[in-house]
Amino acid sequence: MPRTIKVGKEGSVALGRAKRVYCRDRRIAIFNDKGAIRAVDDVCTHVGGPLSEGLCEDGVVTCPWHGARFSLIDGKGVGSPVYRRLQTYTVNTREGLIEIEIEEEEW
């Protein structure tokens, strides 16, 4: 069963921008991709670059360190260098807050 974590206020992430949040020892990037809020691990699978500092365009984030590109929808790599897919999280907006769901076994 997933656990719901509140990570910010609705509107706190500008269009095309990201916000880094922490859930226990997990670093998560929250993106506003043309109004759709997406959440993925904030660690590039190549060498750990901060994806929340990367460019977000058309549903894809580009790592600022070496240019690895990932789909924000399913976490799959869309360009080298990518070693594995990113963990993605379900995002909901309720009562003006952004919430993400983390599976209990991940928590």
Protein backbone atom coordinates (compact mmCIF):
# COMPACT_ATOMS: atom_id res chain seq x y z
CA MET A 1 0.00 0.00 0.00
CA PRO A 2 1.44 3.40 -0.94
CA ARG A 3 2.20 6.12 1.56
CA THR A 4 1.21 9.68 0.59
CA ILE A 5 3.77 12.41 1.28
CA LYS A 6 3.00 16.13 1.00
CA VAL A 7 5.87 17.82 -0.85
CA GLY A 8 4.72 21.38 -1.50
CA LYS A 9 1.96 23.79 -2.35
CA GLU A 10 0.20 23.73 -5.69
CA GLY A 11 1.87 26.39 -7.84
CA SER A 12 5.19 26.16 -5.97
CA VAL A 13 6.93 24.72 -9.05
CA ALA A 14 6.98 27.11 -12.02
CA LEU A 15 6.39 25.91 -15.60
CA GLY A 16 9.47 24.10 -16.94
CA ARG A 17 11.12 24.13 -13.52
CA ALA A 18 11.86 21.59 -10.81
CA LYS A 19 11.97 21.39 -7.05
CA ARG A 20 14.08 18.99 -4.99
CA VAL A 21 12.42 17.34 -2.00
CA TYR A 22 13.59 14.76 0.50
CA CYS A 23 11.61 11.79 1.77
CA ARG A 24 13.71 10.16 4.45
CA ASP A 25 16.96 9.21 2.63
CA ARG A 26 15.41 9.56 -0.84
CA ARG A 27 16.01 12.64 -3.01
CA ILE A 28 13.08 13.29 -5.39
CA ALA A 29 12.70 15.84 -8.19
CA ILE A 30 9.26 17.37 -8.75
CA PHE A 31 8.83 18.86 -12.26
CA ASN A 32 6.19 21.11 -13.78
CA ASP A 33 6.05 19.92 -17.38
CA LYS A 34 3.59 22.23 -19.17
CA GLY A 35 1.28 22.15 -16.15
CA ALA A 36 1.62 18.40 -15.47
CA ILE A 37 3.41 17.73 -12.20
CA ARG A 38 5.78 14.75 -12.40
CA ALA A 39 8.07 13.15 -9.82
CA VAL A 40 11.19 11.01 -10.34
CA ASP A 41 14.31 10.16 -8.38
CA ASP A 42 16.61 13.19 -8.40
CA VAL A 43 19.70 11.09 -9.14
CA CYS A 44 20.84 10.43 -12.72
CA THR A 45 21.56 6.74 -13.25
CA HIS A 46 24.79 7.61 -15.11
CA VAL A 47 26.89 9.15 -12.31
CA GLY A 48 24.37 10.64 -9.88
CA GLY A 49 23.84 14.11 -11.34
CA PRO A 50 21.05 16.26 -9.83
CA LEU A 51 18.17 15.97 -12.30
CA SER A 52 16.27 18.74 -10.50
CA GLU A 53 18.93 21.11 -11.89
CA GLY A 54 18.46 19.83 -15.45
CA LEU A 55 16.41 21.12 -18.35
CA CYS A 56 12.77 19.93 -18.52
CA GLU A 57 11.16 20.03 -21.98
CA ASP A 58 8.32 18.09 -23.57
CA GLY A 59 8.18 15.40 -20.89
CA VAL A 60 11.94 14.81 -20.82
CA VAL A 61 14.58 15.89 -18.29
CA THR A 62 18.22 16.28 -19.30
CA CYS A 63 20.92 15.71 -16.68
CA PRO A 64 23.07 18.84 -16.31
CA TRP A 65 26.27 16.84 -15.84
CA HIS A 66 26.57 14.63 -18.95
CA GLY A 67 23.34 15.06 -20.93
CA ALA A 68 21.56 11.79 -20.11
CA ARG A 69 17.86 12.18 -20.94
CA PHE A 70 14.89 10.52 -19.21
CA SER A 71 11.14 10.44 -19.77
CA LEU A 72 9.33 12.05 -16.84
CA ILE A 73 6.33 9.80 -17.49
CA ASP A 74 7.90 6.34 -17.18
CA GLY A 75 11.54 7.04 -16.23
CA LYS A 76 12.97 5.34 -19.33
CA GLY A 77 16.18 6.65 -20.83
CA VAL A 78 15.79 8.46 -24.15
CA GLY A 79 19.47 9.15 -24.81
CA SER A 80 22.96 8.09 -23.73
CA PRO A 81 24.51 7.77 -21.23
CA VAL A 82 21.75 6.00 -19.29
CA TYR A 83 22.31 2.83 -17.24
CA ARG A 84 18.75 2.09 -16.08
CA ARG A 85 15.34 3.70 -15.83
CA LEU A 86 14.45 6.18 -13.09
CA GLN A 87 11.98 5.46 -10.32
CA THR A 88 8.81 7.46 -10.98
CA TYR A 89 6.16 8.41 -8.44
CA THR A 90 2.42 8.98 -8.67
CA VAL A 91 1.60 12.65 -8.09
CA ASN A 92 -1.73 14.05 -6.90
CA THR A 93 -2.89 17.56 -6.03
CA ARG A 94 -5.36 17.82 -3.15
CA GLU A 95 -6.60 20.83 -1.27
CA GLY A 96 -3.86 23.00 -2.76
CA LEU A 97 -1.01 20.60 -1.93
CA ILE A 98 1.22 18.43 -4.12
CA GLU A 99 1.43 14.86 -2.84
CA ILE A 100 3.50 11.92 -4.06
CA GLU A 101 2.93 8.25 -3.39
CA ILE A 102 5.77 6.02 -2.22
CA GLU A 103 5.26 2.27 -1.97
CA GLU A 104 5.60 0.95 1.58
CA GLU A 105 8.49 -1.38 0.65
CA GLU A 106 10.37 1.66 -0.72
CA TRP A 107 9.65 3.61 2.43
